[in-house]
N, C-alpha and C. Protein backbone atom coordinates (compact mmCIF):
# COMPACT_ATOMS: atom_id res chain seq x y z
N MET A 1 -269.04 51.24 165.36
CA MET A 1 -268.98 51.92 164.06
C MET A 1 -267.83 50.98 163.06
N LYS A 2 -268.13 51.24 161.82
CA LYS A 2 -267.33 50.65 160.79
C LYS A 2 -267.23 50.96 159.28
N GLN A 3 -266.83 50.60 158.58
CA GLN A 3 -267.04 50.91 157.28
C GLN A 3 -266.83 49.26 156.67
N VAL A 4 -267.68 48.93 155.40
CA VAL A 4 -267.69 48.11 154.54
C VAL A 4 -267.42 48.06 153.34
N MET A 5 -266.41 46.84 152.70
CA MET A 5 -265.93 47.27 151.21
C MET A 5 -266.40 45.96 150.74
N ILE A 6 -267.16 45.84 149.76
CA ILE A 6 -267.89 44.52 149.57
C ILE A 6 -267.10 44.58 147.74
N VAL A 7 -266.34 43.40 147.68
CA VAL A 7 -265.78 43.32 146.31
C VAL A 7 -266.18 42.69 145.19
N ARG A 8 -266.26 42.66 144.52
CA ARG A 8 -266.58 41.84 143.08
C ARG A 8 -265.83 40.97 142.90
N THR A 9 -265.79 39.30 143.26
CA THR A 9 -264.67 38.11 142.76
C THR A 9 -264.75 37.74 141.12
N ASP A 10 -265.72 37.86 140.81
CA ASP A 10 -266.08 37.49 139.15
C ASP A 10 -264.67 38.24 138.36
N LEU A 11 -264.48 39.42 138.75
CA LEU A 11 -263.58 40.01 137.83
C LEU A 11 -261.97 39.64 138.38
N LYS A 12 -262.00 38.27 138.93
CA LYS A 12 -260.49 37.86 139.17
C LYS A 12 -259.23 38.56 139.41
N MET A 13 -259.34 40.11 140.17
CA MET A 13 -258.64 41.00 140.28
C MET A 13 -257.46 40.41 141.15
N GLY A 14 -256.36 40.70 141.02
CA GLY A 14 -255.10 40.52 141.61
C GLY A 14 -255.28 41.20 143.27
N LYS A 15 -254.39 40.78 144.19
CA LYS A 15 -254.70 41.05 145.44
C LYS A 15 -254.16 42.55 145.39
N GLY A 16 -253.11 42.81 144.79
CA GLY A 16 -252.79 44.72 144.75
C GLY A 16 -254.00 45.23 144.35
N LYS A 17 -254.55 44.70 143.22
CA LYS A 17 -255.32 45.60 142.53
C LYS A 17 -256.62 45.54 143.80
N ILE A 18 -256.98 44.87 144.37
CA ILE A 18 -258.22 44.51 145.41
C ILE A 18 -258.05 45.28 146.31
N ALA A 19 -256.97 45.82 147.03
CA ALA A 19 -256.20 46.58 147.95
C ALA A 19 -256.51 47.93 147.54
N ALA A 20 -255.94 48.29 146.42
CA ALA A 20 -256.36 49.68 145.51
C ALA A 20 -257.69 49.97 145.84
N GLN A 21 -258.62 49.13 144.83
CA GLN A 21 -259.94 49.39 145.07
C GLN A 21 -260.56 49.60 145.95
N CYS A 22 -260.17 48.88 147.18
CA CYS A 22 -260.75 48.73 148.87
C CYS A 22 -260.49 50.12 149.34
N CYS A 23 -259.20 50.49 149.07
CA CYS A 23 -259.01 51.98 149.32
C CYS A 23 -259.35 53.15 148.80
N HIS A 24 -259.82 53.02 147.71
CA HIS A 24 -260.79 53.95 146.62
C HIS A 24 -262.30 53.88 147.59
N ALA A 25 -262.22 52.49 147.37
CA ALA A 25 -263.63 52.61 148.01
C ALA A 25 -263.84 53.08 149.66
N ALA A 26 -263.09 52.86 150.41
CA ALA A 26 -263.14 53.32 151.77
C ALA A 26 -262.69 55.20 151.86
N ILE A 27 -262.08 55.63 151.00
CA ILE A 27 -261.73 56.95 151.13
C ILE A 27 -263.25 57.93 150.58
N GLY A 28 -263.46 56.90 149.30
CA GLY A 28 -264.74 57.31 148.37
C GLY A 28 -265.72 58.01 149.76
N ALA A 29 -266.05 56.76 150.37
CA ALA A 29 -267.08 56.82 151.08
C ALA A 29 -267.10 57.74 152.19
N TYR A 30 -265.81 57.79 152.66
CA TYR A 30 -265.34 58.27 153.64
C TYR A 30 -265.59 60.11 153.58
N LYS A 31 -265.32 60.34 152.43
CA LYS A 31 -265.70 62.00 151.81
C LYS A 31 -267.09 62.37 151.97
N ASN A 32 -267.94 61.18 151.52
CA ASN A 32 -269.42 61.29 151.27
C ASN A 32 -270.27 61.45 152.74
N ALA A 33 -269.36 61.18 153.56
CA ALA A 33 -270.29 60.13 154.95
C ALA A 33 -270.39 61.49 155.92
N ASP A 34 -271.45 61.29 156.71
CA ASP A 34 -271.92 62.46 158.05
C ASP A 34 -271.01 62.58 158.76
N LYS A 35 -270.88 63.84 158.97
CA LYS A 35 -269.45 64.21 159.73
C LYS A 35 -269.55 63.90 160.89
N GLU A 36 -270.79 63.41 161.79
CA GLU A 36 -271.07 63.13 162.90
C GLU A 36 -270.67 61.55 163.42
N LYS A 37 -271.04 60.79 162.11
CA LYS A 37 -270.72 59.60 162.11
C LYS A 37 -269.05 59.26 161.72
N VAL A 38 -268.42 60.30 161.13
CA VAL A 38 -267.16 59.87 161.05
C VAL A 38 -266.21 60.45 162.07
N ARG A 39 -266.61 61.59 163.10
CA ARG A 39 -266.09 61.95 164.25
C ARG A 39 -266.24 60.74 165.27
N LYS A 40 -267.48 59.90 165.59
CA LYS A 40 -267.72 58.74 166.25
C LYS A 40 -267.05 57.56 165.66
N TRP A 41 -266.95 56.90 164.21
CA TRP A 41 -265.69 56.40 163.60
C TRP A 41 -264.38 56.31 164.14
N GLU A 42 -263.86 57.79 163.97
CA GLU A 42 -262.46 58.18 164.24
C GLU A 42 -262.23 57.69 165.79
N ASN A 43 -263.18 57.90 166.52
CA ASN A 43 -262.76 57.45 168.20
C ASN A 43 -262.82 56.02 168.02
N GLU A 44 -263.32 55.14 167.30
CA GLU A 44 -263.23 54.06 167.46
C GLU A 44 -262.46 53.04 166.90
N ALA A 45 -261.42 53.49 166.40
CA ALA A 45 -260.49 52.60 165.94
C ALA A 45 -260.48 52.40 164.47
N TYR A 46 -261.30 53.21 163.49
CA TYR A 46 -261.41 52.93 162.10
C TYR A 46 -261.72 51.65 161.48
N ALA A 47 -262.15 50.91 162.22
CA ALA A 47 -262.99 49.43 161.96
C ALA A 47 -263.39 49.57 160.10
N LYS A 48 -262.76 48.65 159.46
CA LYS A 48 -263.09 48.13 158.20
C LYS A 48 -263.16 46.43 158.31
N VAL A 49 -264.02 46.48 157.41
CA VAL A 49 -264.54 44.94 156.97
C VAL A 49 -264.34 44.79 155.58
N VAL A 50 -263.45 43.77 155.20
CA VAL A 50 -264.19 43.56 153.50
C VAL A 50 -264.72 42.31 153.54
N LEU A 51 -265.76 42.51 152.32
CA LEU A 51 -266.34 40.89 151.89
C LEU A 51 -266.43 40.91 150.73
N LYS A 52 -267.44 39.67 150.22
CA LYS A 52 -267.70 39.57 148.80
C LYS A 52 -268.70 39.31 148.32
N VAL A 53 -268.65 39.69 146.97
CA VAL A 53 -269.83 39.37 146.34
C VAL A 53 -269.64 38.55 144.45
N PRO A 54 -270.58 37.60 144.35
CA PRO A 54 -269.98 37.18 142.89
C PRO A 54 -269.87 37.76 141.76
N SER A 55 -270.99 39.06 141.83
CA SER A 55 -271.19 39.78 140.62
C SER A 55 -271.69 40.94 140.67
N LEU A 56 -271.82 41.74 139.53
CA LEU A 56 -272.11 43.27 139.62
C LEU A 56 -273.10 43.28 140.15
N GLU A 57 -274.26 42.60 139.51
CA GLU A 57 -275.59 42.37 140.08
C GLU A 57 -275.71 42.34 141.33
N ASP A 58 -275.33 41.23 142.13
CA ASP A 58 -274.94 41.49 143.74
C ASP A 58 -274.64 42.81 144.17
N LEU A 59 -273.71 43.34 143.42
CA LEU A 59 -273.00 44.65 144.12
C LEU A 59 -274.02 45.69 143.99
N PHE A 60 -274.95 45.80 143.18
CA PHE A 60 -275.76 46.65 143.05
C PHE A 60 -277.12 46.59 143.95
N LYS A 61 -277.48 45.22 144.15
CA LYS A 61 -278.05 44.48 144.75
C LYS A 61 -277.99 45.38 146.60
N TYR A 62 -276.76 45.15 146.88
CA TYR A 62 -276.20 45.93 148.04
C TYR A 62 -276.47 47.38 148.44
N ARG A 63 -275.61 47.88 147.25
CA ARG A 63 -275.98 49.69 146.60
C ARG A 63 -277.56 49.90 146.95
N ASP A 64 -278.37 49.31 146.78
CA ASP A 64 -279.71 49.53 146.36
C ASP A 64 -280.28 49.54 148.00
N LEU A 65 -279.99 48.24 148.60
CA LEU A 65 -280.03 48.54 150.07
C LEU A 65 -279.65 49.29 150.61
N ALA A 66 -278.57 49.88 150.74
CA ALA A 66 -277.92 50.73 151.56
C ALA A 66 -278.57 52.16 151.41
N ARG A 67 -278.73 52.13 149.99
CA ARG A 67 -279.59 53.73 149.61
C ARG A 67 -280.82 53.56 150.39
N GLU A 68 -281.90 52.43 150.51
CA GLU A 68 -283.09 52.50 150.83
C GLU A 68 -283.21 52.83 152.26
N LYS A 69 -281.80 52.40 153.32
CA LYS A 69 -281.73 52.47 154.58
C LYS A 69 -281.08 53.73 154.88
N GLY A 70 -280.82 54.53 154.00
CA GLY A 70 -279.93 55.95 154.22
C GLY A 70 -278.45 55.65 154.70
N ILE A 71 -277.86 54.35 154.09
CA ILE A 71 -276.68 54.49 154.96
C ILE A 71 -275.72 54.80 153.49
N ASN A 72 -274.76 55.62 153.75
CA ASN A 72 -274.01 56.14 152.81
C ASN A 72 -273.17 55.17 151.84
N TYR A 73 -272.74 55.35 150.87
CA TYR A 73 -272.21 54.49 149.79
C TYR A 73 -271.43 54.87 148.87
N TYR A 74 -270.55 54.48 148.55
CA TYR A 74 -269.83 54.78 147.01
C TYR A 74 -269.50 53.86 146.25
N LEU A 75 -269.46 53.77 145.18
CA LEU A 75 -269.27 52.67 144.12
C LEU A 75 -267.82 53.17 143.21
N VAL A 76 -266.79 52.53 143.29
CA VAL A 76 -265.69 52.40 142.71
C VAL A 76 -265.94 51.99 141.15
N THR A 77 -265.51 52.99 140.38
CA THR A 77 -265.52 52.74 138.93
C THR A 77 -263.60 52.84 138.37
N ASP A 78 -263.40 51.82 138.14
CA ASP A 78 -262.03 51.53 137.55
C ASP A 78 -261.60 52.51 136.29
N ALA A 79 -260.40 53.00 136.47
CA ALA A 79 -259.72 53.94 135.49
C ALA A 79 -259.47 53.24 134.08
N GLY A 80 -258.98 51.74 134.37
CA GLY A 80 -258.68 50.82 133.09
C GLY A 80 -256.96 50.94 132.70
N ARG A 81 -256.18 51.59 134.05
CA ARG A 81 -254.60 51.56 133.12
C ARG A 81 -254.37 50.06 133.74
N THR A 82 -254.56 49.22 134.25
CA THR A 82 -253.76 48.10 134.31
C THR A 82 -254.76 46.38 134.34
N GLN A 83 -255.69 45.81 135.34
CA GLN A 83 -255.83 44.79 134.81
C GLN A 83 -257.24 45.00 134.20
N LEU A 84 -258.12 45.80 134.33
CA LEU A 84 -259.38 45.87 133.97
C LEU A 84 -259.93 46.79 132.83
N PRO A 85 -261.21 46.51 132.00
CA PRO A 85 -261.18 47.60 131.18
C PRO A 85 -261.79 49.01 131.97
N GLU A 86 -261.68 49.95 131.10
CA GLU A 86 -262.03 51.27 131.78
C GLU A 86 -264.08 51.37 132.22
N SER A 87 -263.94 51.98 133.05
CA SER A 87 -265.51 51.89 133.90
C SER A 87 -265.84 50.19 134.54
N THR A 88 -265.13 49.29 134.79
CA THR A 88 -265.61 48.76 135.43
C THR A 88 -266.10 49.10 136.85
N ILE A 89 -267.26 48.49 137.37
CA ILE A 89 -267.64 48.88 138.37
C ILE A 89 -267.05 47.83 139.53
N THR A 90 -266.03 48.16 140.79
CA THR A 90 -265.19 46.96 141.42
C THR A 90 -265.85 46.68 142.55
N VAL A 91 -265.84 47.85 143.44
CA VAL A 91 -266.16 47.59 145.11
C VAL A 91 -266.64 48.52 145.13
N LEU A 92 -267.84 48.49 146.45
CA LEU A 92 -268.87 48.86 146.84
C LEU A 92 -268.46 49.32 148.29
N GLY A 93 -268.22 50.91 148.63
CA GLY A 93 -268.14 51.01 149.80
C GLY A 93 -269.04 51.52 150.80
N LEU A 94 -269.16 51.21 152.03
CA LEU A 94 -270.26 51.54 152.76
C LEU A 94 -269.78 52.23 153.98
N GLY A 95 -270.87 53.17 154.83
CA GLY A 95 -270.30 53.63 156.34
C GLY A 95 -269.61 54.88 155.65
N PRO A 96 -268.49 55.26 157.07
CA PRO A 96 -268.55 54.71 158.28
C PRO A 96 -270.32 54.72 158.77
N ASP A 97 -270.50 53.81 159.61
CA ASP A 97 -272.27 53.72 160.33
C ASP A 97 -272.17 52.76 161.20
N GLU A 98 -273.21 52.83 162.14
CA GLU A 98 -273.28 51.85 163.06
C GLU A 98 -273.03 50.15 162.34
N ASP A 99 -272.75 49.48 163.85
CA ASP A 99 -272.11 48.23 163.35
C ASP A 99 -273.49 47.33 162.62
N GLU A 100 -274.55 47.53 163.71
CA GLU A 100 -275.91 47.02 163.34
C GLU A 100 -276.34 47.37 162.02
N ALA A 101 -276.65 49.07 161.77
CA ALA A 101 -277.15 48.94 160.67
C ALA A 101 -276.68 48.65 159.57
N LEU A 102 -274.95 48.18 159.40
CA LEU A 102 -274.50 47.48 158.13
C LEU A 102 -274.73 46.18 158.11
N ASP A 103 -274.43 45.58 159.46
CA ASP A 103 -274.86 44.50 159.50
C ASP A 103 -276.39 43.77 158.99
N GLU A 104 -277.42 44.67 159.37
CA GLU A 104 -278.53 44.37 158.68
C GLU A 104 -278.85 44.17 157.02
N ILE A 105 -277.79 44.77 156.34
CA ILE A 105 -277.66 44.72 155.38
C ILE A 105 -276.70 43.68 154.42
N THR A 106 -275.44 43.66 155.29
CA THR A 106 -274.45 42.62 154.69
C THR A 106 -274.17 41.38 155.50
N GLY A 107 -275.12 41.46 156.61
CA GLY A 107 -274.88 40.07 157.54
C GLY A 107 -274.51 38.61 156.95
N GLU A 108 -275.28 38.55 155.63
CA GLU A 108 -275.08 37.30 155.28
C GLU A 108 -273.67 36.86 154.35
N LEU A 109 -273.05 38.15 154.15
CA LEU A 109 -272.06 37.90 152.83
C LEU A 109 -270.70 37.56 153.79
N LYS A 110 -270.01 36.90 153.06
CA LYS A 110 -268.88 36.07 153.53
C LYS A 110 -267.36 37.09 153.34
N LEU A 111 -266.76 37.13 154.44
CA LEU A 111 -265.31 37.92 154.57
C LEU A 111 -264.70 37.18 153.19
N LEU A 112 -263.84 38.60 152.39
CA LEU A 112 -263.22 38.07 151.26
C LEU A 112 -261.85 37.40 151.63
C-alpha cells in the first residue's frame, strides 16, 4: 500500500513549495480515501512516493487514468499567496491504494 504524489515540473516551484504542495495532496487524498484502504496503509508504514510530470496536460492524463481505474485522487490548487498565481494546479495525489494498482497507472514516471 502507498500514496503517490505527482508534481508538475514546468512550474519551477522551489523545494519548500513542492514539499508543501505534496503535503496538501497527501492529506487531501487521505481524507477522500476508502477507510478500509486507509487502515491497511496505516499498518504498512504510510509509504509515499513522489513522481514528476512536465505539464498540466500530463497531470490531467494521470488523473483521468486514476478515475478510470477507480483510484482515489486529489488535485491541489494553489491559493496564490507565494510563488504561483491563484488557482494553479500543482500536484496530483493518488491513493492510498495497492502498490500494483498505482504502479499500473504511474509505473513509467520518474522520481522527483
